[in-house]
Protein backbone atom coordinates (compact mmCIF):
# COMPACT_ATOMS: atom_id res chain seq x y z
CA SER A 1 -2.83 46.59 0.59
CA ALA A 2 -4.58 43.10 -0.30
CA PRO A 3 -0.87 41.38 -1.47
CA GLU A 4 0.58 42.48 1.75
CA LYS A 5 -2.34 41.21 3.71
CA TYR A 6 -2.54 38.02 1.51
CA ALA A 7 0.98 36.88 2.06
CA THR A 8 0.39 38.00 5.55
CA ALA A 9 -2.28 35.29 5.73
CA PHE A 10 0.33 32.84 3.47
CA GLY A 11 2.69 33.49 5.94
CA ALA A 12 0.45 32.88 9.19
CA PHE A 13 -0.84 30.05 7.96
CA HIS A 14 2.42 27.43 7.33
CA THR A 15 3.77 28.79 10.86
CA SER A 16 0.98 27.63 12.18
CA ALA A 17 0.79 24.34 9.95
CA GLY A 18 4.75 24.09 11.36
CA ILE A 19 4.41 24.92 14.97
CA MET A 20 1.49 22.09 14.59
CA LEU A 21 3.61 19.41 12.49
CA PHE A 22 6.36 19.42 15.15
CA PRO A 23 4.51 18.32 17.83
CA ALA A 24 2.58 15.59 15.78
CA SER A 25 6.22 14.33 13.74
CA ALA A 26 7.30 13.95 17.32
CA ILE A 27 4.44 11.45 18.28
CA GLY A 28 4.68 9.58 14.97
CA GLY A 29 8.63 8.58 15.57
CA ILE A 30 8.09 8.43 19.26
CA LEU A 31 5.36 5.70 18.07
CA TRP A 32 7.31 4.15 15.24
CA ASP A 33 10.26 3.51 17.46
CA THR A 34 8.68 2.19 20.14
CA ALA A 35 5.40 0.62 19.07
CA GLY A 36 6.62 -0.02 15.25
CA PRO A 37 4.91 1.61 11.94
CA ALA A 38 1.40 0.04 12.30
CA SER A 39 0.92 1.72 15.42
CA THR A 40 1.75 5.12 14.24
CA PHE A 41 -0.64 4.57 11.23
CA LEU A 42 -3.14 3.39 13.42
CA TYR A 43 -2.79 6.19 15.65
CA GLY A 44 -2.95 8.50 12.76
CA SER A 45 -6.47 6.76 11.00
CA MET A 46 -8.10 6.83 15.11
CA LEU A 47 -7.63 10.62 14.73
CA ALA A 48 -8.76 11.04 11.42
CA LEU A 49 -11.93 9.41 12.56
CA VAL A 50 -12.17 11.35 15.13
CA ALA A 51 -11.90 15.11 13.50
CA ALA A 52 -14.25 13.23 10.48
CA PHE A 53 -16.65 12.77 13.51
CA PHE A 54 -16.06 15.90 15.03
CA PHE A 55 -16.76 17.85 11.59
CA VAL A 56 -20.02 15.91 10.51
CA ILE A 57 -21.55 16.11 13.98
CA PRO A 58 -24.13 19.61 13.70
CA VAL A 59 -23.96 21.93 16.05
CA ILE A 60 -27.03 22.11 18.36
CA PRO A 61 -27.94 25.54 18.89
CA ALA A 62 -28.13 27.30 22.31
CA LYS A 63 -31.70 27.66 23.10
CA LYS A 64 -32.90 30.99 24.02
CA SER A 65 -34.87 31.67 27.19
CA ARG A 66 -38.29 33.49 26.64
CA GLY A 67 -39.03 36.29 29.10
């Protein structure tokens, strides 16, 4: 039923977010310890810009072959 599917989707979302947050936190901690706090925020802002770029570029549809 709908509540079970909602709960499953909610759990899957938070599980995947938690799995992705672990390496992100590890990279952030390594950068913070080795290169200082500014490098951590610079790295995060650069990745955010890359993500924004990929978000706004148009999707180019594949050309269909005629024949």
